Each structure stands twice: as structure tokens, then as C-alpha cells.
N, C-alpha and C. Protein backbone atom coordinates (compact mmCIF):
# COMPACT_ATOMS: atom_id res chain seq x y z
N MET A 1 108.95 -59.41 -85.15
CA MET A 1 109.40 -58.23 -85.86
C MET A 1 109.46 -57.06 -84.87
N LYS A 2 110.53 -56.28 -84.98
CA LYS A 2 110.71 -55.16 -84.07
C LYS A 2 111.25 -53.97 -84.85
N LYS A 3 110.63 -52.80 -84.67
CA LYS A 3 111.10 -51.56 -85.30
C LYS A 3 111.67 -50.66 -84.22
N ILE A 4 112.83 -50.09 -84.51
CA ILE A 4 113.54 -49.25 -83.56
C ILE A 4 114.08 -48.04 -84.29
N THR A 5 114.08 -46.88 -83.63
CA THR A 5 114.76 -45.71 -84.17
C THR A 5 116.12 -45.64 -83.49
N LEU A 6 117.18 -45.66 -84.30
CA LEU A 6 118.54 -45.62 -83.77
C LEU A 6 118.90 -44.22 -83.29
N LYS A 7 119.99 -44.11 -82.57
CA LYS A 7 120.48 -42.82 -82.07
C LYS A 7 120.69 -41.82 -83.20
N ASN A 8 121.08 -42.33 -84.38
CA ASN A 8 121.33 -41.44 -85.51
C ASN A 8 120.04 -41.08 -86.27
N GLY A 9 118.89 -41.54 -85.77
CA GLY A 9 117.60 -41.21 -86.37
C GLY A 9 117.11 -42.19 -87.42
N GLU A 10 117.96 -43.14 -87.83
CA GLU A 10 117.55 -44.11 -88.85
C GLU A 10 116.61 -45.15 -88.24
N SER A 11 115.70 -45.64 -89.07
CA SER A 11 114.74 -46.65 -88.65
C SER A 11 115.30 -48.04 -88.94
N LEU A 12 115.32 -48.88 -87.92
CA LEU A 12 115.87 -50.23 -88.01
C LEU A 12 114.75 -51.24 -87.80
N LEU A 13 114.72 -52.25 -88.65
CA LEU A 13 113.76 -53.34 -88.53
C LEU A 13 114.54 -54.62 -88.23
N ILE A 14 114.16 -55.33 -87.19
CA ILE A 14 114.75 -56.64 -86.88
C ILE A 14 113.64 -57.68 -87.05
N ARG A 15 113.94 -58.71 -87.85
CA ARG A 15 112.95 -59.77 -88.10
C ARG A 15 113.65 -61.05 -88.51
N LYS A 16 112.86 -62.13 -88.56
CA LYS A 16 113.39 -63.40 -89.04
C LYS A 16 113.74 -63.27 -90.52
N VAL A 17 114.81 -63.94 -90.91
CA VAL A 17 115.18 -63.97 -92.32
C VAL A 17 114.10 -64.72 -93.10
N GLU A 18 113.89 -64.29 -94.34
CA GLU A 18 112.90 -64.92 -95.21
C GLU A 18 113.56 -65.31 -96.53
N LYS A 19 112.95 -66.25 -97.22
CA LYS A 19 113.48 -66.72 -98.50
C LYS A 19 113.68 -65.55 -99.48
N GLU A 20 112.79 -64.58 -99.43
CA GLU A 20 112.87 -63.42 -100.32
C GLU A 20 114.09 -62.54 -100.05
N ASP A 21 114.76 -62.76 -98.93
CA ASP A 21 115.95 -61.99 -98.57
C ASP A 21 117.23 -62.51 -99.22
N ILE A 22 117.14 -63.59 -99.98
CA ILE A 22 118.33 -64.30 -100.45
C ILE A 22 119.35 -63.40 -101.13
N ASP A 23 118.94 -62.55 -102.05
CA ASP A 23 119.91 -61.71 -102.75
C ASP A 23 120.61 -60.76 -101.79
N GLU A 24 119.86 -60.17 -100.90
CA GLU A 24 120.43 -59.25 -99.92
C GLU A 24 121.35 -59.99 -98.95
N VAL A 25 120.97 -61.19 -98.53
CA VAL A 25 121.81 -61.99 -97.63
C VAL A 25 123.13 -62.33 -98.31
N MET A 26 123.07 -62.76 -99.56
CA MET A 26 124.30 -63.12 -100.28
C MET A 26 125.23 -61.91 -100.41
N GLN A 27 124.68 -60.76 -100.73
CA GLN A 27 125.49 -59.54 -100.85
C GLN A 27 126.08 -59.16 -99.49
N TYR A 28 125.26 -59.22 -98.45
CA TYR A 28 125.71 -58.87 -97.11
C TYR A 28 126.86 -59.76 -96.66
N MET A 29 126.70 -61.06 -96.81
CA MET A 29 127.74 -61.99 -96.37
C MET A 29 129.03 -61.80 -97.15
N SER A 30 128.93 -61.48 -98.41
CA SER A 30 130.13 -61.23 -99.22
C SER A 30 130.86 -59.98 -98.75
N LEU A 31 130.10 -58.97 -98.33
CA LEU A 31 130.70 -57.70 -97.90
C LEU A 31 131.38 -57.78 -96.54
N ILE A 32 130.74 -58.43 -95.58
CA ILE A 32 131.25 -58.34 -94.21
C ILE A 32 132.59 -59.04 -94.01
N GLY A 33 132.89 -60.04 -94.83
CA GLY A 33 134.18 -60.71 -94.70
C GLY A 33 135.36 -59.78 -94.91
N GLY A 34 135.17 -58.75 -95.71
CA GLY A 34 136.23 -57.79 -95.97
C GLY A 34 136.24 -56.62 -95.01
N GLU A 35 135.28 -56.58 -94.09
CA GLU A 35 135.17 -55.44 -93.18
C GLU A 35 135.74 -55.69 -91.79
N SER A 36 136.01 -56.95 -91.46
CA SER A 36 136.44 -57.27 -90.10
C SER A 36 137.36 -58.47 -90.09
N ASP A 37 138.32 -58.45 -89.19
CA ASP A 37 139.19 -59.60 -88.97
C ASP A 37 138.66 -60.49 -87.84
N ASN A 38 137.46 -60.20 -87.36
CA ASN A 38 136.90 -60.95 -86.23
C ASN A 38 135.98 -62.08 -86.64
N LEU A 39 135.82 -62.30 -87.93
CA LEU A 39 134.95 -63.37 -88.42
C LEU A 39 135.76 -64.61 -88.77
N THR A 40 135.07 -65.71 -89.00
CA THR A 40 135.76 -66.95 -89.36
C THR A 40 136.09 -67.00 -90.84
N PHE A 41 135.71 -65.98 -91.59
CA PHE A 41 136.04 -65.89 -93.01
C PHE A 41 136.45 -64.47 -93.34
N GLY A 42 137.33 -64.34 -94.33
CA GLY A 42 137.82 -63.04 -94.73
C GLY A 42 137.27 -62.61 -96.08
N ASP A 43 137.84 -61.55 -96.59
CA ASP A 43 137.43 -60.99 -97.88
C ASP A 43 137.52 -62.06 -98.97
N GLY A 44 136.43 -62.27 -99.68
CA GLY A 44 136.41 -63.24 -100.77
C GLY A 44 136.30 -64.69 -100.35
N GLU A 45 136.17 -64.96 -99.06
CA GLU A 45 136.13 -66.34 -98.57
C GLU A 45 134.71 -66.86 -98.34
N TRP A 46 133.70 -66.04 -98.53
CA TRP A 46 132.33 -66.52 -98.38
C TRP A 46 131.99 -67.30 -99.64
N THR A 47 132.00 -68.62 -99.54
CA THR A 47 131.86 -69.46 -100.73
C THR A 47 130.55 -70.25 -100.74
N VAL A 48 129.63 -69.89 -99.90
CA VAL A 48 128.34 -70.56 -99.88
C VAL A 48 127.61 -70.22 -101.18
N THR A 49 127.05 -71.23 -101.82
CA THR A 49 126.34 -70.99 -103.08
C THR A 49 124.94 -70.46 -102.80
N TYR A 50 124.35 -69.91 -103.83
CA TYR A 50 122.98 -69.41 -103.78
C TYR A 50 122.03 -70.52 -103.30
N GLU A 51 122.19 -71.71 -103.86
CA GLU A 51 121.33 -72.84 -103.51
C GLU A 51 121.53 -73.26 -102.05
N GLN A 52 122.78 -73.27 -101.60
CA GLN A 52 123.06 -73.64 -100.21
C GLN A 52 122.44 -72.62 -99.25
N GLU A 53 122.53 -71.34 -99.60
CA GLU A 53 121.98 -70.31 -98.73
C GLU A 53 120.45 -70.36 -98.71
N ILE A 54 119.84 -70.60 -99.86
CA ILE A 54 118.37 -70.76 -99.91
C ILE A 54 117.95 -71.91 -99.01
N ASN A 55 118.65 -73.03 -99.10
CA ASN A 55 118.35 -74.20 -98.26
C ASN A 55 118.48 -73.85 -96.78
N TYR A 56 119.54 -73.11 -96.43
CA TYR A 56 119.74 -72.70 -95.04
C TYR A 56 118.57 -71.82 -94.57
N ILE A 57 118.24 -70.81 -95.37
CA ILE A 57 117.17 -69.89 -94.99
C ILE A 57 115.84 -70.63 -94.83
N GLU A 58 115.57 -71.56 -95.72
CA GLU A 58 114.31 -72.31 -95.66
C GLU A 58 114.22 -73.20 -94.43
N ASN A 59 115.36 -73.57 -93.86
CA ASN A 59 115.37 -74.53 -92.75
C ASN A 59 115.85 -73.98 -91.42
N VAL A 60 116.30 -72.73 -91.38
CA VAL A 60 116.93 -72.22 -90.16
C VAL A 60 115.93 -71.89 -89.06
N ASN A 61 114.78 -71.39 -89.40
CA ASN A 61 113.83 -70.96 -88.38
C ASN A 61 112.97 -72.14 -87.92
N THR A 62 113.40 -72.74 -86.80
CA THR A 62 112.73 -73.92 -86.25
C THR A 62 112.33 -73.62 -84.81
N SER A 63 111.93 -74.64 -84.09
CA SER A 63 111.52 -74.45 -82.70
C SER A 63 112.67 -74.04 -81.80
N ASN A 64 113.92 -74.36 -82.18
CA ASN A 64 115.05 -74.01 -81.33
C ASN A 64 116.22 -73.38 -82.09
N SER A 65 116.00 -72.94 -83.32
CA SER A 65 117.03 -72.25 -84.11
C SER A 65 116.40 -71.08 -84.85
N ILE A 66 117.21 -70.05 -85.13
CA ILE A 66 116.67 -68.86 -85.77
C ILE A 66 117.79 -68.06 -86.43
N MET A 67 117.44 -67.31 -87.47
CA MET A 67 118.32 -66.29 -88.02
C MET A 67 117.52 -65.00 -88.10
N LEU A 68 118.07 -63.95 -87.53
CA LEU A 68 117.45 -62.63 -87.57
C LEU A 68 118.30 -61.71 -88.42
N VAL A 69 117.65 -60.79 -89.12
CA VAL A 69 118.35 -59.77 -89.89
C VAL A 69 117.93 -58.40 -89.38
N ALA A 70 118.88 -57.46 -89.43
CA ALA A 70 118.62 -56.06 -89.10
C ALA A 70 118.65 -55.30 -90.42
N ILE A 71 117.59 -54.55 -90.69
CA ILE A 71 117.43 -53.91 -92.00
C ILE A 71 117.22 -52.41 -91.84
N ILE A 72 117.95 -51.64 -92.65
CA ILE A 72 117.76 -50.19 -92.77
C ILE A 72 117.59 -49.88 -94.25
N ASP A 73 116.51 -49.20 -94.58
CA ASP A 73 116.23 -48.82 -95.98
C ASP A 73 116.34 -50.00 -96.94
N GLY A 74 115.83 -51.15 -96.53
CA GLY A 74 115.82 -52.32 -97.40
C GLY A 74 117.13 -53.08 -97.49
N LYS A 75 118.16 -52.62 -96.79
CA LYS A 75 119.48 -53.26 -96.82
C LYS A 75 119.77 -53.93 -95.49
N ILE A 76 120.32 -55.14 -95.55
CA ILE A 76 120.73 -55.83 -94.33
C ILE A 76 122.00 -55.17 -93.80
N VAL A 77 121.95 -54.76 -92.54
CA VAL A 77 123.11 -54.12 -91.91
C VAL A 77 123.62 -54.95 -90.73
N GLY A 78 122.92 -56.02 -90.40
CA GLY A 78 123.35 -56.89 -89.31
C GLY A 78 122.57 -58.19 -89.35
N SER A 79 123.15 -59.20 -88.72
CA SER A 79 122.44 -60.48 -88.62
C SER A 79 122.95 -61.24 -87.40
N THR A 80 122.12 -62.14 -86.95
CA THR A 80 122.51 -63.03 -85.86
C THR A 80 121.78 -64.35 -86.07
N SER A 81 122.39 -65.40 -85.60
CA SER A 81 121.75 -66.70 -85.73
C SER A 81 122.05 -67.55 -84.50
N LEU A 82 121.14 -68.45 -84.24
CA LEU A 82 121.29 -69.44 -83.18
C LEU A 82 121.00 -70.78 -83.82
N SER A 83 122.00 -71.65 -83.81
CA SER A 83 121.85 -72.99 -84.38
C SER A 83 121.94 -74.00 -83.26
N ALA A 84 120.83 -74.71 -83.05
CA ALA A 84 120.77 -75.68 -81.96
C ALA A 84 120.75 -77.09 -82.52
N GLY A 85 121.07 -78.02 -81.66
CA GLY A 85 121.08 -79.42 -82.06
C GLY A 85 119.68 -79.97 -82.29
N THR A 86 119.63 -81.10 -82.96
CA THR A 86 118.34 -81.75 -83.23
C THR A 86 118.16 -83.01 -82.39
N ARG A 87 119.23 -83.55 -81.88
CA ARG A 87 119.15 -84.77 -81.07
C ARG A 87 118.82 -84.40 -79.62
N SER A 88 118.16 -85.30 -78.93
CA SER A 88 117.66 -85.01 -77.59
C SER A 88 118.76 -84.60 -76.61
N ARG A 89 119.96 -85.13 -76.78
CA ARG A 89 121.05 -84.82 -75.84
C ARG A 89 121.64 -83.43 -76.05
N VAL A 90 121.40 -82.83 -77.21
CA VAL A 90 122.03 -81.53 -77.49
C VAL A 90 121.06 -80.46 -77.99
N LYS A 91 119.79 -80.77 -78.11
CA LYS A 91 118.87 -79.77 -78.66
C LYS A 91 118.63 -78.60 -77.72
N HIS A 92 119.07 -78.71 -76.48
CA HIS A 92 118.94 -77.63 -75.51
C HIS A 92 120.08 -76.61 -75.59
N THR A 93 121.09 -76.88 -76.41
CA THR A 93 122.21 -75.95 -76.56
C THR A 93 122.25 -75.38 -77.97
N GLY A 94 122.60 -74.11 -78.05
CA GLY A 94 122.70 -73.46 -79.35
C GLY A 94 123.99 -72.68 -79.47
N GLU A 95 124.52 -72.65 -80.68
CA GLU A 95 125.73 -71.87 -80.99
C GLU A 95 125.28 -70.61 -81.71
N MET A 96 125.70 -69.46 -81.24
CA MET A 96 125.27 -68.21 -81.86
C MET A 96 126.42 -67.49 -82.53
N GLY A 97 126.06 -66.67 -83.49
CA GLY A 97 127.00 -65.78 -84.16
C GLY A 97 126.28 -64.48 -84.45
N ILE A 98 127.05 -63.42 -84.60
CA ILE A 98 126.46 -62.10 -84.84
C ILE A 98 127.41 -61.28 -85.70
N THR A 99 126.85 -60.52 -86.63
CA THR A 99 127.65 -59.64 -87.48
C THR A 99 126.91 -58.33 -87.69
N VAL A 100 127.68 -57.25 -87.86
CA VAL A 100 127.13 -55.93 -88.16
C VAL A 100 128.04 -55.27 -89.18
N ARG A 101 127.43 -54.62 -90.18
CA ARG A 101 128.21 -53.87 -91.16
C ARG A 101 129.06 -52.82 -90.45
N LYS A 102 130.29 -52.65 -90.91
CA LYS A 102 131.23 -51.72 -90.27
C LYS A 102 130.67 -50.31 -90.18
N ALA A 103 129.94 -49.87 -91.19
CA ALA A 103 129.37 -48.52 -91.19
C ALA A 103 128.39 -48.32 -90.04
N TYR A 104 127.93 -49.41 -89.43
CA TYR A 104 126.95 -49.33 -88.35
C TYR A 104 127.49 -49.82 -87.01
N TRP A 105 128.81 -49.99 -86.91
CA TRP A 105 129.39 -50.34 -85.63
C TRP A 105 129.13 -49.21 -84.63
N ASN A 106 128.98 -49.57 -83.38
CA ASN A 106 128.77 -48.62 -82.28
C ASN A 106 127.47 -47.83 -82.39
N CYS A 107 126.49 -48.39 -83.09
CA CYS A 107 125.15 -47.78 -83.17
C CYS A 107 124.14 -48.54 -82.31
N GLY A 108 124.59 -49.60 -81.65
CA GLY A 108 123.70 -50.37 -80.80
C GLY A 108 123.00 -51.53 -81.50
N ILE A 109 123.31 -51.76 -82.78
CA ILE A 109 122.63 -52.81 -83.53
C ILE A 109 123.00 -54.20 -83.01
N GLY A 110 124.27 -54.40 -82.69
CA GLY A 110 124.69 -55.69 -82.15
C GLY A 110 123.97 -56.02 -80.85
N SER A 111 123.84 -55.03 -79.99
CA SER A 111 123.15 -55.23 -78.72
C SER A 111 121.67 -55.54 -78.94
N LEU A 112 121.04 -54.82 -79.86
CA LEU A 112 119.63 -55.07 -80.17
C LEU A 112 119.43 -56.48 -80.74
N LEU A 113 120.29 -56.88 -81.66
CA LEU A 113 120.20 -58.23 -82.23
C LEU A 113 120.38 -59.30 -81.16
N LEU A 114 121.38 -59.10 -80.31
CA LEU A 114 121.65 -60.08 -79.26
C LEU A 114 120.46 -60.19 -78.30
N GLY A 115 119.89 -59.05 -77.94
CA GLY A 115 118.72 -59.06 -77.07
C GLY A 115 117.55 -59.84 -77.67
N GLU A 116 117.30 -59.62 -78.96
CA GLU A 116 116.21 -60.33 -79.64
C GLU A 116 116.50 -61.83 -79.72
N LEU A 117 117.76 -62.17 -80.00
CA LEU A 117 118.13 -63.58 -80.09
C LEU A 117 117.93 -64.28 -78.74
N LEU A 118 118.34 -63.63 -77.67
CA LEU A 118 118.20 -64.22 -76.35
C LEU A 118 116.73 -64.30 -75.93
N ASN A 119 115.92 -63.33 -76.35
CA ASN A 119 114.48 -63.42 -76.08
C ASN A 119 113.90 -64.67 -76.75
N PHE A 120 114.30 -64.89 -78.00
CA PHE A 120 113.84 -66.10 -78.71
C PHE A 120 114.27 -67.35 -77.94
N ALA A 121 115.54 -67.39 -77.54
CA ALA A 121 116.06 -68.57 -76.84
C ALA A 121 115.26 -68.86 -75.58
N LYS A 122 114.95 -67.81 -74.83
CA LYS A 122 114.18 -67.99 -73.59
C LYS A 122 112.75 -68.44 -73.88
N GLU A 123 112.15 -67.87 -74.92
CA GLU A 123 110.76 -68.19 -75.25
C GLU A 123 110.59 -69.61 -75.77
N THR A 124 111.65 -70.21 -76.30
CA THR A 124 111.52 -71.56 -76.85
C THR A 124 111.19 -72.59 -75.79
N LYS A 125 111.62 -72.34 -74.57
CA LYS A 125 111.50 -73.32 -73.48
C LYS A 125 112.27 -74.60 -73.80
N ILE A 126 113.05 -74.57 -74.87
CA ILE A 126 113.90 -75.70 -75.26
C ILE A 126 115.36 -75.36 -74.99
N ILE A 127 115.78 -74.18 -75.44
CA ILE A 127 117.17 -73.75 -75.28
C ILE A 127 117.44 -73.47 -73.81
N ARG A 128 118.49 -74.09 -73.29
CA ARG A 128 118.88 -73.88 -71.90
C ARG A 128 120.28 -73.30 -71.79
N LYS A 129 121.01 -73.30 -72.95
CA LYS A 129 122.39 -72.81 -72.95
C LYS A 129 122.72 -72.26 -74.32
N VAL A 130 123.32 -71.06 -74.35
CA VAL A 130 123.76 -70.44 -75.60
C VAL A 130 125.28 -70.31 -75.53
N ASN A 131 125.96 -70.80 -76.55
CA ASN A 131 127.42 -70.77 -76.63
C ASN A 131 127.88 -69.88 -77.78
N LEU A 132 129.09 -69.37 -77.66
CA LEU A 132 129.68 -68.58 -78.74
C LEU A 132 131.19 -68.65 -78.65
N ILE A 133 131.83 -68.29 -79.76
CA ILE A 133 133.28 -68.21 -79.85
C ILE A 133 133.62 -66.82 -80.34
N VAL A 134 134.57 -66.17 -79.67
CA VAL A 134 134.96 -64.81 -80.04
C VAL A 134 136.49 -64.69 -79.98
N LYS A 135 137.05 -63.93 -80.92
CA LYS A 135 138.49 -63.68 -80.86
C LYS A 135 138.83 -62.98 -79.55
N LYS A 136 139.91 -63.44 -78.93
CA LYS A 136 140.31 -62.93 -77.62
C LYS A 136 140.55 -61.42 -77.62
N ASP A 137 140.99 -60.87 -78.76
CA ASP A 137 141.27 -59.43 -78.81
C ASP A 137 140.06 -58.59 -79.24
N ASN A 138 138.91 -59.22 -79.43
CA ASN A 138 137.69 -58.49 -79.80
C ASN A 138 137.00 -58.03 -78.51
N LEU A 139 137.61 -57.06 -77.87
CA LEU A 139 137.18 -56.64 -76.53
C LEU A 139 135.79 -56.03 -76.51
N ASN A 140 135.40 -55.30 -77.57
CA ASN A 140 134.05 -54.73 -77.61
C ASN A 140 133.00 -55.83 -77.61
N ALA A 141 133.22 -56.88 -78.38
CA ALA A 141 132.27 -57.98 -78.42
C ALA A 141 132.21 -58.70 -77.08
N ILE A 142 133.36 -58.95 -76.48
CA ILE A 142 133.40 -59.64 -75.18
C ILE A 142 132.64 -58.81 -74.14
N LYS A 143 132.85 -57.50 -74.16
CA LYS A 143 132.14 -56.62 -73.23
C LYS A 143 130.63 -56.70 -73.44
N LEU A 144 130.19 -56.73 -74.69
CA LEU A 144 128.76 -56.85 -74.99
C LEU A 144 128.21 -58.17 -74.47
N TYR A 145 128.91 -59.26 -74.74
CA TYR A 145 128.44 -60.57 -74.29
C TYR A 145 128.36 -60.62 -72.76
N GLU A 146 129.36 -60.07 -72.09
CA GLU A 146 129.36 -60.06 -70.63
C GLU A 146 128.20 -59.22 -70.09
N LYS A 147 127.87 -58.14 -70.79
CA LYS A 147 126.74 -57.29 -70.40
C LYS A 147 125.44 -58.09 -70.37
N TYR A 148 125.32 -59.04 -71.26
CA TYR A 148 124.13 -59.89 -71.34
C TYR A 148 124.24 -61.14 -70.47
N GLY A 149 125.32 -61.27 -69.71
CA GLY A 149 125.44 -62.37 -68.76
C GLY A 149 126.29 -63.54 -69.20
N PHE A 150 126.89 -63.47 -70.39
CA PHE A 150 127.76 -64.56 -70.84
C PHE A 150 128.99 -64.63 -69.95
N LYS A 151 129.45 -65.84 -69.72
CA LYS A 151 130.65 -66.09 -68.92
C LYS A 151 131.72 -66.73 -69.80
N LYS A 152 132.97 -66.38 -69.53
CA LYS A 152 134.09 -67.02 -70.23
C LYS A 152 134.21 -68.44 -69.71
N GLU A 153 134.27 -69.40 -70.64
CA GLU A 153 134.33 -70.81 -70.24
C GLU A 153 135.61 -71.50 -70.68
N GLY A 154 136.34 -70.87 -71.57
CA GLY A 154 137.57 -71.51 -72.01
C GLY A 154 138.32 -70.66 -73.02
N LEU A 155 139.57 -71.03 -73.21
CA LEU A 155 140.45 -70.35 -74.15
C LEU A 155 141.03 -71.40 -75.09
N VAL A 156 140.96 -71.12 -76.38
CA VAL A 156 141.56 -72.01 -77.37
C VAL A 156 142.67 -71.21 -78.06
N THR A 157 143.88 -71.72 -77.97
CA THR A 157 145.00 -71.01 -78.57
C THR A 157 145.05 -71.24 -80.08
N ARG A 158 145.51 -70.23 -80.78
CA ARG A 158 145.77 -70.30 -82.22
C ARG A 158 144.55 -70.75 -83.04
N GLU A 159 143.37 -70.37 -82.60
CA GLU A 159 142.15 -70.81 -83.33
C GLU A 159 141.96 -70.04 -84.63
N PHE A 160 142.36 -68.79 -84.65
CA PHE A 160 142.23 -67.97 -85.86
C PHE A 160 143.61 -67.71 -86.46
N LEU A 161 143.68 -67.71 -87.77
CA LEU A 161 144.90 -67.33 -88.48
C LEU A 161 144.51 -66.22 -89.45
N VAL A 162 144.91 -65.00 -89.11
CA VAL A 162 144.52 -63.82 -89.89
C VAL A 162 145.79 -63.11 -90.35
N ASN A 163 145.93 -62.98 -91.65
CA ASN A 163 147.10 -62.31 -92.23
C ASN A 163 148.42 -62.86 -91.69
N GLY A 164 148.49 -64.17 -91.57
CA GLY A 164 149.72 -64.83 -91.15
C GLY A 164 149.97 -64.82 -89.65
N LYS A 165 149.04 -64.29 -88.86
CA LYS A 165 149.23 -64.22 -87.41
C LYS A 165 148.14 -65.04 -86.71
N PHE A 166 148.55 -65.81 -85.69
CA PHE A 166 147.60 -66.61 -84.92
C PHE A 166 146.93 -65.77 -83.83
N TYR A 167 145.66 -66.08 -83.59
CA TYR A 167 144.90 -65.42 -82.53
C TYR A 167 144.17 -66.49 -81.72
N ASP A 168 144.10 -66.25 -80.43
CA ASP A 168 143.37 -67.14 -79.54
C ASP A 168 141.88 -66.79 -79.57
N SER A 169 141.05 -67.74 -79.17
CA SER A 169 139.62 -67.47 -79.06
C SER A 169 139.16 -67.75 -77.64
N VAL A 170 138.10 -67.07 -77.27
CA VAL A 170 137.46 -67.26 -75.98
C VAL A 170 136.11 -67.92 -76.24
N HIS A 171 135.85 -69.01 -75.54
CA HIS A 171 134.55 -69.66 -75.62
C HIS A 171 133.72 -69.14 -74.45
N MET A 172 132.52 -68.68 -74.77
CA MET A 172 131.65 -68.10 -73.75
C MET A 172 130.30 -68.80 -73.78
N GLY A 173 129.61 -68.76 -72.66
CA GLY A 173 128.31 -69.40 -72.59
C GLY A 173 127.37 -68.65 -71.67
N LEU A 174 126.09 -68.81 -71.94
CA LEU A 174 125.04 -68.22 -71.11
C LEU A 174 124.00 -69.29 -70.81
N GLU A 175 123.80 -69.55 -69.52
CA GLU A 175 122.77 -70.49 -69.11
C GLU A 175 121.45 -69.75 -69.05
N ILE A 176 120.46 -70.27 -69.74
CA ILE A 176 119.16 -69.61 -69.83
C ILE A 176 118.31 -69.84 -68.58
N ASP A 177 118.42 -71.02 -67.97
CA ASP A 177 117.54 -71.31 -66.84
C ASP A 177 118.20 -71.08 -65.50
């Protein structure tokens, strides 16, 4: 758990997601799809059921996987997760994702979440590589990832289809060791 005062004076809490967060998580995920074209789902496309999300929350925080939430005044304003494999050949690699409510873009929350996620990855002594996928035109996100040492590893054409237009994605990775 980490408490931070943001540049705007608001108090931010970053911690592992808990089962009691389910209602707030469901509301948050439903909202963010309509706030950005940089996610894998759009407005109204978050179709995970309450039961599926409860199951995810109950099982996500393991020795090599985690979900963190960023909270202001009891509301989730950001989240990040690292999902790693369970088999011996792939348990050292994790796929990460990160989201922040539009009202809190450019407040440093994404950077704080990413820093905490990478601290977890390093502390596990299991994770040796963190991977992510980002839309090629999401330059702010790419800049953030590069700031933390991620390298571009590949380009996938036409991976996203948003409002009838195709977008390429950049696959990035960070070696922990």
C-alpha cells in the first residue's frame, strides 16, 4: 500500500485490489471503455460479469501476478495488472496493462502505477520479463514505457479496429534481470 499526494493536492492510495472493491471495479471498467480509444474495448463493450470479475479478483494476486488500483476519495481512478504464466516455461513472463480515468490523465498516476507494478515484478524473483501491447499512435504511453526502460520489440499491423479504422500496435518488453 502506498499513499501519495498528487500535484493537484489530492491524496492517492495505490494498493492491491480486494474482493470488497468489486462494485467499484465494475463501475470503473464500464466507464473507461468510453473514455479512450487506446483500450482493447470501447464504450459498452466491457461484458465481464460480476461473478467473473469476483473470480478474477480472488485469484489475481499470486506469487507472480497482481492487480493494483489507484484510489482517490474511495473511487478507483486507475488500475494496472500483471498476468504471468503458471507453467514453468512461461511463469517468468508477465503481460501488463494499465488504465487511468480521463479526468486524471497527466497527473502522474500512470507513472506511479507502473512504478509500483515493476517493483512487484522485481520483488517476486520469479518475473524476468514484462511485456505489453500499445497502440502505435499512443505516443504518451510509449514515452512512459520507454522512460521505465521498455524496448520496442515488434509491430503488428491492423491489430486494433476503432470506429472503422485500423491501427497498428507496438509490442514492448522490459527485461527485469
